[in-house]
Amino acid sequence: MVWEYKVFTAENFLGSDDDLTLEEKLNKFGKDNWEFSGIIQKPYTTLGKDSKVDGDCIIFKRRIEN
């Protein structure tokens, strides 16, 4: 099984398609076989190390045929 992923910052995802509700935005991706997979919260930077993510992220995945 092979997966393809889409990652959005929460700000970008929530700001897209402003006329849609959150439920409608999720359903829009579901129609294209994207499944909500999870959220990654941006960690606080410590000891001078930069975070590898720009903000809280929303992750979708879908199965692709090999």
PDB file of N, CA and C in Angstrom:
ATOM      1  N   MET A   1       0.847  -1.164   0.000  1.00  0.00           N
ATOM      2  CA  MET A   1       0.000   0.000   0.000  1.00  0.00           C
ATOM      3  C   MET A   1       0.905   1.244   0.000  1.00  0.00           C
ATOM      4  N   VAL A   2       0.602   2.179  -0.875  1.00  0.00           N
ATOM      5  CA  VAL A   2       1.383   3.407  -0.986  1.00  0.00           C
ATOM      6  C   VAL A   2       0.462   4.598  -0.726  1.00  0.00           C
ATOM      7  N   TRP A   3       0.959   5.550   0.064  1.00  0.00           N
ATOM      8  CA  TRP A   3       0.176   6.724   0.429  1.00  0.00           C
ATOM      9  C   TRP A   3       0.784   7.982  -0.167  1.00  0.00           C
ATOM     10  N   GLU A   4      -0.080   8.913  -0.474  1.00  0.00           N
ATOM     11  CA  GLU A   4       0.295  10.259  -0.913  1.00  0.00           C
ATOM     12  C   GLU A   4      -0.241  11.202   0.157  1.00  0.00           C
ATOM     13  N   TYR A   5       0.511  12.260   0.452  1.00  0.00           N
ATOM     14  CA  TYR A   5       0.125  13.174   1.523  1.00  0.00           C
ATOM     15  C   TYR A   5      -0.016  14.607   1.029  1.00  0.00           C
ATOM     16  N   LYS A   6      -0.886  15.361   1.692  1.00  0.00           N
ATOM     17  CA  LYS A   6      -1.028  16.805   1.502  1.00  0.00           C
ATOM     18  C   LYS A   6      -0.916  17.428   2.882  1.00  0.00           C
ATOM     19  N   VAL A   7      -0.114  18.478   2.984  1.00  0.00           N
ATOM     20  CA  VAL A   7       0.079  19.149   4.268  1.00  0.00           C
ATOM     21  C   VAL A   7      -0.204  20.638   4.075  1.00  0.00           C
ATOM     22  N   PHE A   8      -1.041  21.184   4.921  1.00  0.00           N
ATOM     23  CA  PHE A   8      -1.385  22.603   4.917  1.00  0.00           C
ATOM     24  C   PHE A   8      -1.079  23.177   6.284  1.00  0.00           C
ATOM     25  N   THR A   9      -0.663  24.436   6.343  1.00  0.00           N
ATOM     26  CA  THR A   9      -0.677  25.073   7.652  1.00  0.00           C
ATOM     27  C   THR A   9      -2.153  25.260   7.993  1.00  0.00           C
ATOM     28  N   ALA A  10      -2.467  25.202   9.256  1.00  0.00           N
ATOM     29  CA  ALA A  10      -3.864  25.364   9.677  1.00  0.00           C
ATOM     30  C   ALA A  10      -4.409  26.700   9.192  1.00  0.00           C
ATOM     31  N   GLU A  11      -3.568  27.729   9.254  1.00  0.00           N
ATOM     32  CA  GLU A  11      -3.992  29.064   8.809  1.00  0.00           C
ATOM     33  C   GLU A  11      -4.378  29.066   7.333  1.00  0.00           C
ATOM     34  N   ASN A  12      -3.559  28.422   6.494  1.00  0.00           N
ATOM     35  CA  ASN A  12      -3.870  28.374   5.056  1.00  0.00           C
ATOM     36  C   ASN A  12      -5.115  27.548   4.776  1.00  0.00           C
ATOM     37  N   PHE A  13      -5.246  26.407   5.457  1.00  0.00           N
ATOM     38  CA  PHE A  13      -6.409  25.553   5.228  1.00  0.00           C
ATOM     39  C   PHE A  13      -7.691  26.257   5.647  1.00  0.00           C
ATOM     40  N   LEU A  14      -7.673  26.842   6.823  1.00  0.00           N
ATOM     41  CA  LEU A  14      -8.882  27.506   7.324  1.00  0.00           C
ATOM     42  C   LEU A  14      -9.193  28.781   6.555  1.00  0.00           C
ATOM     43  N   GLY A  15      -8.176  29.418   5.977  1.00  0.00           N
ATOM     44  CA  GLY A  15      -8.378  30.654   5.220  1.00  0.00           C
ATOM     45  C   GLY A  15      -8.776  30.428   3.777  1.00  0.00           C
ATOM     46  N   SER A  16      -8.631  29.188   3.281  1.00  0.00           N
ATOM     47  CA  SER A  16      -9.001  28.914   1.892  1.00  0.00           C
ATOM     48  C   SER A  16     -10.508  28.746   1.780  1.00  0.00           C
ATOM     49  N   ASP A  17     -11.046  29.043   0.629  1.00  0.00           N
ATOM     50  CA  ASP A  17     -12.491  28.888   0.383  1.00  0.00           C
ATOM     51  C   ASP A  17     -13.306  29.477   1.541  1.00  0.00           C
ATOM     52  N   ASP A  18     -13.113  30.768   1.766  1.00  0.00           N
ATOM     53  CA  ASP A  18     -13.744  31.433   2.914  1.00  0.00           C
ATOM     54  C   ASP A  18     -15.260  31.269   2.969  1.00  0.00           C
ATOM     55  N   ASP A  19     -15.889  31.001   1.823  1.00  0.00           N
ATOM     56  CA  ASP A  19     -17.342  30.864   1.822  1.00  0.00           C
ATOM     57  C   ASP A  19     -17.803  29.487   2.310  1.00  0.00           C
ATOM     58  N   LEU A  20     -16.864  28.547   2.537  1.00  0.00           N
ATOM     59  CA  LEU A  20     -17.224  27.197   2.980  1.00  0.00           C
ATOM     60  C   LEU A  20     -17.024  27.057   4.485  1.00  0.00           C
ATOM     61  N   THR A  21     -17.858  26.223   5.097  1.00  0.00           N
ATOM     62  CA  THR A  21     -17.671  25.890   6.510  1.00  0.00           C
ATOM     63  C   THR A  21     -16.530  24.881   6.616  1.00  0.00           C
ATOM     64  N   LEU A  22     -16.048  24.648   7.812  1.00  0.00           N
ATOM     65  CA  LEU A  22     -14.988  23.661   8.016  1.00  0.00           C
ATOM     66  C   LEU A  22     -15.444  22.287   7.527  1.00  0.00           C
ATOM     67  N   GLU A  23     -16.661  21.922   7.833  1.00  0.00           N
ATOM     68  CA  GLU A  23     -17.201  20.636   7.400  1.00  0.00           C
ATOM     69  C   GLU A  23     -17.214  20.541   5.873  1.00  0.00           C
ATOM     70  N   GLU A  24     -17.622  21.600   5.204  1.00  0.00           N
ATOM     71  CA  GLU A  24     -17.648  21.608   3.735  1.00  0.00           C
ATOM     72  C   GLU A  24     -16.235  21.503   3.155  1.00  0.00           C
ATOM     73  N   LYS A  25     -15.264  22.143   3.789  1.00  0.00           N
ATOM     74  CA  LYS A  25     -13.872  22.052   3.324  1.00  0.00           C
ATOM     75  C   LYS A  25     -13.362  20.619   3.438  1.00  0.00           C
ATOM     76  N   LEU A  26     -13.647  19.962   4.569  1.00  0.00           N
ATOM     77  CA  LEU A  26     -13.224  18.572   4.746  1.00  0.00           C
ATOM     78  C   LEU A  26     -13.914  17.658   3.745  1.00  0.00           C
ATOM     79  N   ASN A  27     -15.207  17.873   3.519  1.00  0.00           N
ATOM     80  CA  ASN A  27     -15.947  17.063   2.545  1.00  0.00           C
ATOM     81  C   ASN A  27     -15.422  17.269   1.129  1.00  0.00           C
ATOM     82  N   LYS A  28     -14.989  18.480   0.817  1.00  0.00           N
ATOM     83  CA  LYS A  28     -14.424  18.776  -0.501  1.00  0.00           C
ATOM     84  C   LYS A  28     -13.200  17.893  -0.764  1.00  0.00           C
ATOM     85  N   PHE A  29     -12.326  17.764   0.221  1.00  0.00           N
ATOM     86  CA  PHE A  29     -11.153  16.899   0.067  1.00  0.00           C
ATOM     87  C   PHE A  29     -11.547  15.431   0.060  1.00  0.00           C
ATOM     88  N   GLY A  30     -12.542  15.077   0.861  1.00  0.00           N
ATOM     89  CA  GLY A  30     -13.014  13.696   0.889  1.00  0.00           C
ATOM     90  C   GLY A  30     -13.532  13.227  -0.463  1.00  0.00           C
ATOM     91  N   LYS A  31     -14.147  14.117  -1.221  1.00  0.00           N
ATOM     92  CA  LYS A  31     -14.649  13.753  -2.547  1.00  0.00           C
ATOM     93  C   LYS A  31     -13.521  13.383  -3.497  1.00  0.00           C
ATOM     94  N   ASP A  32     -12.322  13.871  -3.223  1.00  0.00           N
ATOM     95  CA  ASP A  32     -11.148  13.528  -4.034  1.00  0.00           C
ATOM     96  C   ASP A  32     -10.327  12.421  -3.374  1.00  0.00           C
ATOM     97  N   ASN A  33     -10.964  11.672  -2.481  1.00  0.00           N
ATOM     98  CA  ASN A  33     -10.364  10.534  -1.779  1.00  0.00           C
ATOM     99  C   ASN A  33      -9.277  10.910  -0.787  1.00  0.00           C
ATOM    100  N   TRP A  34      -9.214  12.171  -0.371  1.00  0.00           N
ATOM    101  CA  TRP A  34      -8.275  12.566   0.680  1.00  0.00           C
ATOM    102  C   TRP A  34      -8.922  12.283   2.027  1.00  0.00           C
ATOM    103  N   GLU A  35      -8.174  11.670   2.913  1.00  0.00           N
ATOM    104  CA  GLU A  35      -8.649  11.347   4.254  1.00  0.00           C
ATOM    105  C   GLU A  35      -7.864  12.191   5.264  1.00  0.00           C
ATOM    106  N   PHE A  36      -8.587  12.841   6.176  1.00  0.00           N
ATOM    107  CA  PHE A  36      -7.915  13.586   7.226  1.00  0.00           C
ATOM    108  C   PHE A  36      -7.076  12.606   8.028  1.00  0.00           C
ATOM    109  N   SER A  37      -5.802  12.930   8.201  1.00  0.00           N
ATOM    110  CA  SER A  37      -4.889  12.008   8.858  1.00  0.00           C
ATOM    111  C   SER A  37      -4.451  12.488  10.231  1.00  0.00           C
ATOM    112  N   GLY A  38      -4.337  13.797  10.412  1.00  0.00           N
ATOM    113  CA  GLY A  38      -3.921  14.274  11.722  1.00  0.00           C
ATOM    114  C   GLY A  38      -3.464  15.716  11.701  1.00  0.00           C
ATOM    115  N   ILE A  39      -2.993  16.152  12.855  1.00  0.00           N
ATOM    116  CA  ILE A  39      -2.513  17.513  13.040  1.00  0.00           C
ATOM    117  C   ILE A  39      -1.131  17.444  13.678  1.00  0.00           C
ATOM    118  N   ILE A  40      -0.228  18.262  13.204  1.00  0.00           N
ATOM    119  CA  ILE A  40       1.075  18.417  13.843  1.00  0.00           C
ATOM    120  C   ILE A  40       1.121  19.833  14.393  1.00  0.00           C
ATOM    121  N   GLN A  41       1.354  19.944  15.675  1.00  0.00           N
ATOM    122  CA  GLN A  41       1.463  21.267  16.279  1.00  0.00           C
ATOM    123  C   GLN A  41       2.910  21.729  16.224  1.00  0.00           C
ATOM    124  N   LYS A  42       3.079  22.998  15.869  1.00  0.00           N
ATOM    125  CA  LYS A  42       4.423  23.549  15.807  1.00  0.00           C
ATOM    126  C   LYS A  42       5.020  23.555  17.214  1.00  0.00           C
ATOM    127  N   PRO A  43       6.172  22.914  17.361  1.00  0.00           N
ATOM    128  CA  PRO A  43       6.799  22.911  18.678  1.00  0.00           C
ATOM    129  C   PRO A  43       7.465  24.253  18.965  1.00  0.00           C
ATOM    130  N   TYR A  44       7.631  24.536  20.213  1.00  0.00           N
ATOM    131  CA  TYR A  44       8.388  25.725  20.585  1.00  0.00           C
ATOM    132  C   TYR A  44       9.849  25.503  20.216  1.00  0.00           C
ATOM    133  N   THR A  45      10.502  26.526  19.726  1.00  0.00           N
ATOM    134  CA  THR A  45      11.918  26.394  19.418  1.00  0.00           C
ATOM    135  C   THR A  45      12.713  26.464  20.712  1.00  0.00           C
ATOM    136  N   THR A  46      13.694  25.597  20.817  1.00  0.00           N
ATOM    137  CA  THR A  46      14.541  25.576  21.997  1.00  0.00           C
ATOM    138  C   THR A  46      15.990  25.430  21.587  1.00  0.00           C
ATOM    139  N   LEU A  47      16.858  25.922  22.388  1.00  0.00           N
ATOM    140  CA  LEU A  47      18.292  25.799  22.184  1.00  0.00           C
ATOM    141  C   LEU A  47      18.739  26.285  20.812  1.00  0.00           C
ATOM    142  N   GLY A  48      18.038  27.298  20.282  1.00  0.00           N
ATOM    143  CA  GLY A  48      18.439  27.895  19.020  1.00  0.00           C
ATOM    144  C   GLY A  48      18.119  27.094  17.789  1.00  0.00           C
ATOM    145  N   LYS A  49      17.384  25.992  17.932  1.00  0.00           N
ATOM    146  CA  LYS A  49      17.038  25.179  16.758  1.00  0.00           C
ATOM    147  C   LYS A  49      15.704  25.639  16.199  1.00  0.00           C
ATOM    148  N   ASP A  50      15.668  25.839  14.874  1.00  0.00           N
ATOM    149  CA  ASP A  50      14.424  26.241  14.225  1.00  0.00           C
ATOM    150  C   ASP A  50      13.500  25.046  14.067  1.00  0.00           C
ATOM    151  N   SER A  51      12.205  25.307  14.127  1.00  0.00           N
ATOM    152  CA  SER A  51      11.206  24.276  13.891  1.00  0.00           C
ATOM    153  C   SER A  51      11.186  23.930  12.407  1.00  0.00           C
ATOM    154  N   LYS A  52      10.879  22.698  12.092  1.00  0.00           N
ATOM    155  CA  LYS A  52      10.808  22.279  10.691  1.00  0.00           C
ATOM    156  C   LYS A  52       9.439  22.555  10.068  1.00  0.00           C
ATOM    157  N   VAL A  53       8.497  23.059  10.863  1.00  0.00           N
ATOM    158  CA  VAL A  53       7.176  23.419  10.346  1.00  0.00           C
ATOM    159  C   VAL A  53       6.925  24.899  10.619  1.00  0.00           C
ATOM    160  N   ASP A  54       6.182  25.532   9.716  1.00  0.00           N
ATOM    161  CA  ASP A  54       5.924  26.967   9.824  1.00  0.00           C
ATOM    162  C   ASP A  54       4.798  27.308  10.792  1.00  0.00           C
ATOM    163  N   GLY A  55       3.980  26.361  11.111  1.00  0.00           N
ATOM    164  CA  GLY A  55       2.851  26.579  12.003  1.00  0.00           C
ATOM    165  C   GLY A  55       2.161  25.259  12.236  1.00  0.00           C
ATOM    166  N   ASP A  56       1.048  25.272  12.937  1.00  0.00           N
ATOM    167  CA  ASP A  56       0.280  24.039  13.109  1.00  0.00           C
ATOM    168  C   ASP A  56      -0.141  23.541  11.738  1.00  0.00           C
ATOM    169  N   CYS A  57      -0.013  22.238  11.496  1.00  0.00           N
ATOM    170  CA  CYS A  57      -0.284  21.674  10.168  1.00  0.00           C
ATOM    171  C   CYS A  57      -1.428  20.668  10.212  1.00  0.00           C
ATOM    172  N   ILE A  58      -2.200  20.655   9.138  1.00  0.00           N
ATOM    173  CA  ILE A  58      -3.276  19.694   8.931  1.00  0.00           C
ATOM    174  C   ILE A  58      -2.815  18.753   7.832  1.00  0.00           C
ATOM    175  N   ILE A  59      -2.945  17.447   8.067  1.00  0.00           N
ATOM    176  CA  ILE A  59      -2.422  16.451   7.138  1.00  0.00           C
ATOM    177  C   ILE A  59      -3.555  15.593   6.591  1.00  0.00           C
ATOM    178  N   PHE A  60      -3.524  15.404   5.282  1.00  0.00           N
ATOM    179  CA  PHE A  60      -4.445  14.503   4.593  1.00  0.00           C
ATOM    180  C   PHE A  60      -3.619  13.432   3.890  1.00  0.00           C
ATOM    181  N   LYS A  61      -4.221  12.258   3.697  1.00  0.00           N
ATOM    182  CA  LYS A  61      -3.547  11.207   2.940  1.00  0.00           C
ATOM    183  C   LYS A  61      -4.565  10.520   2.034  1.00  0.00           C
ATOM    184  N   ARG A  62      -4.034   9.914   0.966  1.00  0.00           N
ATOM    185  CA  ARG A  62      -4.878   9.060   0.137  1.00  0.00           C
ATOM    186  C   ARG A  62      -4.007   7.969  -0.463  1.00  0.00           C
ATOM    187  N   ARG A  63      -4.642   6.865  -0.697  1.00  0.00           N
ATOM    188  CA  ARG A  63      -3.946   5.700  -1.261  1.00  0.00           C
ATOM    189  C   ARG A  63      -3.742   5.913  -2.751  1.00  0.00           C
ATOM    190  N   ILE A  64      -2.561   5.567  -3.223  1.00  0.00           N
ATOM    191  CA  ILE A  64      -2.313   5.631  -4.655  1.00  0.00           C
ATOM    192  C   ILE A  64      -1.945   4.228  -5.141  1.00  0.00           C
ATOM    193  N   GLU A  65      -2.307   3.961  -6.354  1.00  0.00           N
ATOM    194  CA  GLU A  65      -2.019   2.650  -6.947  1.00  0.00           C
ATOM    195  C   GLU A  65      -0.576   2.618  -7.423  1.00  0.00           C
ATOM    196  N   ASN A  66       0.104   1.499  -7.195  1.00  0.00           N
ATOM    197  CA  ASN A  66       1.471   1.385  -7.697  1.00  0.00           C
ATOM    198  C   ASN A  66       1.493   0.660  -9.009  1.00  0.00           C
TER     199      ASN A  66
END
